[in-house]
Amino acid sequence: ETFSAYNELTNQLRSLVEAGTAASLTELAIRFSAFAPNIGLVIPGAKSIQQLESNISAVCKGPLPGEAVTEINRLRAEFLP
């Protein structure tokens, strides 16, 4: 049941990526987390220089649009316990 909820949440978040809000789920997550007022620190992992560059690029793009943040918070409330 939990797996199904996470799977559906991921599918819903993927729709934000498909709508052009971010280039990938990773970028969406980094931008959401890095600029959330209630998160003090984000430490994304990177196994390659390319991943590190992508992570830095995500942060450099700045915060997500307000509508996207609202939608992510709505989805979190709906799918996460």
C-alpha atoms as a PDB file:
ATOM      1  CA  GLU A   1       0.000   0.000   0.000  1.00  0.00           C
ATOM      2  CA  THR A   2       2.803   2.419   0.881  1.00  0.00           C
ATOM      3  CA  PHE A   3       4.650   1.536  -2.332  1.00  0.00           C
ATOM      4  CA  SER A   4       1.512   2.251  -4.346  1.00  0.00           C
ATOM      5  CA  ALA A   5       1.129   5.645  -2.674  1.00  0.00           C
ATOM      6  CA  TYR A   6       4.750   6.586  -3.390  1.00  0.00           C
ATOM      7  CA  ASN A   7       4.417   5.353  -6.950  1.00  0.00           C
ATOM      8  CA  GLU A   8       1.320   7.491  -7.513  1.00  0.00           C
ATOM      9  CA  LEU A   9       2.998  10.487  -5.868  1.00  0.00           C
ATOM     10  CA  THR A  10       5.972  10.072  -8.213  1.00  0.00           C
ATOM     11  CA  ASN A  11       3.648   9.898 -11.210  1.00  0.00           C
ATOM     12  CA  GLN A  12       1.919  13.101 -10.113  1.00  0.00           C
ATOM     13  CA  LEU A  13       5.269  14.849  -9.617  1.00  0.00           C
ATOM     14  CA  ARG A  14       6.396  13.619 -13.022  1.00  0.00           C
ATOM     15  CA  SER A  15       3.454  15.519 -14.521  1.00  0.00           C
ATOM     16  CA  LEU A  16       5.012  18.750 -13.188  1.00  0.00           C
ATOM     17  CA  VAL A  17       8.232  17.868 -15.023  1.00  0.00           C
ATOM     18  CA  GLU A  18       6.299  17.096 -18.198  1.00  0.00           C
ATOM     19  CA  ALA A  19       4.584  20.488 -17.897  1.00  0.00           C
ATOM     20  CA  GLY A  20       8.014  22.151 -17.966  1.00  0.00           C
ATOM     21  CA  THR A  21       8.309  23.124 -14.310  1.00  0.00           C
ATOM     22  CA  ALA A  22      11.702  21.377 -14.092  1.00  0.00           C
ATOM     23  CA  ALA A  23      13.943  19.345 -16.376  1.00  0.00           C
ATOM     24  CA  SER A  24      13.783  16.212 -14.209  1.00  0.00           C
ATOM     25  CA  LEU A  25      12.408  14.820 -10.972  1.00  0.00           C
ATOM     26  CA  THR A  26      15.836  15.361  -9.453  1.00  0.00           C
ATOM     27  CA  GLU A  27      15.807  19.035 -10.387  1.00  0.00           C
ATOM     28  CA  LEU A  28      12.258  19.363  -9.075  1.00  0.00           C
ATOM     29  CA  ALA A  29      13.277  17.833  -5.738  1.00  0.00           C
ATOM     30  CA  ILE A  30      16.425  19.920  -5.372  1.00  0.00           C
ATOM     31  CA  ARG A  31      14.718  23.195  -6.240  1.00  0.00           C
ATOM     32  CA  PHE A  32      11.784  22.432  -3.949  1.00  0.00           C
ATOM     33  CA  SER A  33      14.025  21.466  -1.040  1.00  0.00           C
ATOM     34  CA  ALA A  34      16.743  24.080  -1.468  1.00  0.00           C
ATOM     35  CA  PHE A  35      14.309  26.972  -1.288  1.00  0.00           C
ATOM     36  CA  ALA A  36      11.732  25.639   1.187  1.00  0.00           C
ATOM     37  CA  PRO A  37      11.531  27.930   4.221  1.00  0.00           C
ATOM     38  CA  ASN A  38      11.291  25.020   6.669  1.00  0.00           C
ATOM     39  CA  ILE A  39      14.351  23.138   5.326  1.00  0.00           C
ATOM     40  CA  GLY A  40      17.678  24.352   6.614  1.00  0.00           C
ATOM     41  CA  LEU A  41      20.101  22.244   4.594  1.00  0.00           C
ATOM     42  CA  VAL A  42      20.034  20.167   1.419  1.00  0.00           C
ATOM     43  CA  ILE A  43      22.863  17.736   0.665  1.00  0.00           C
ATOM     44  CA  PRO A  44      22.227  16.088  -2.712  1.00  0.00           C
ATOM     45  CA  GLY A  45      24.423  13.158  -3.617  1.00  0.00           C
ATOM     46  CA  ALA A  46      26.471  12.936  -6.782  1.00  0.00           C
ATOM     47  CA  LYS A  47      28.322   9.947  -8.197  1.00  0.00           C
ATOM     48  CA  SER A  48      29.794  11.813 -11.132  1.00  0.00           C
ATOM     49  CA  ILE A  49      30.869  15.275 -12.206  1.00  0.00           C
ATOM     50  CA  GLN A  50      27.832  15.369 -14.508  1.00  0.00           C
ATOM     51  CA  GLN A  51      25.459  14.762 -11.580  1.00  0.00           C
ATOM     52  CA  LEU A  52      27.246  17.400  -9.518  1.00  0.00           C
ATOM     53  CA  GLU A  53      26.940  19.903 -12.367  1.00  0.00           C
ATOM     54  CA  SER A  54      23.237  19.062 -12.749  1.00  0.00           C
ATOM     55  CA  ASN A  55      22.665  19.596  -9.026  1.00  0.00           C
ATOM     56  CA  ILE A  56      24.444  22.958  -9.111  1.00  0.00           C
ATOM     57  CA  SER A  57      22.481  23.947 -12.213  1.00  0.00           C
ATOM     58  CA  ALA A  58      19.217  23.101 -10.447  1.00  0.00           C
ATOM     59  CA  VAL A  59      20.029  25.381  -7.523  1.00  0.00           C
ATOM     60  CA  CYS A  60      21.167  28.152  -9.865  1.00  0.00           C
ATOM     61  CA  LYS A  61      17.732  28.118 -11.528  1.00  0.00           C
ATOM     62  CA  GLY A  62      16.258  29.366  -8.271  1.00  0.00           C
ATOM     63  CA  PRO A  63      13.037  28.448  -6.533  1.00  0.00           C
ATOM     64  CA  LEU A  64      10.146  26.753  -8.255  1.00  0.00           C
ATOM     65  CA  PRO A  65       7.158  28.869  -9.245  1.00  0.00           C
ATOM     66  CA  GLY A  66       4.701  29.373  -6.411  1.00  0.00           C
ATOM     67  CA  GLU A  67       2.022  27.295  -8.149  1.00  0.00           C
ATOM     68  CA  ALA A  68       4.400  24.330  -8.349  1.00  0.00           C
ATOM     69  CA  VAL A  69       5.294  24.615  -4.656  1.00  0.00           C
ATOM     70  CA  THR A  70       1.603  24.731  -3.778  1.00  0.00           C
ATOM     71  CA  GLU A  71       0.934  21.641  -5.902  1.00  0.00           C
ATOM     72  CA  ILE A  72       3.850  19.709  -4.390  1.00  0.00           C
ATOM     73  CA  ASN A  73       2.661  20.568  -0.875  1.00  0.00           C
ATOM     74  CA  ARG A  74      -0.862  19.451  -1.804  1.00  0.00           C
ATOM     75  CA  LEU A  75       0.481  16.150  -3.154  1.00  0.00           C
ATOM     76  CA  ARG A  76       2.624  15.614  -0.074  1.00  0.00           C
ATOM     77  CA  ALA A  77      -0.410  16.095   2.157  1.00  0.00           C
ATOM     78  CA  GLU A  78      -2.450  13.716   0.023  1.00  0.00           C
ATOM     79  CA  PHE A  79       0.060  10.883  -0.358  1.00  0.00           C
ATOM     80  CA  LEU A  80       2.440  11.026   2.598  1.00  0.00           C
ATOM     81  CA  PRO A  81       1.375   9.962   6.068  1.00  0.00           C
END
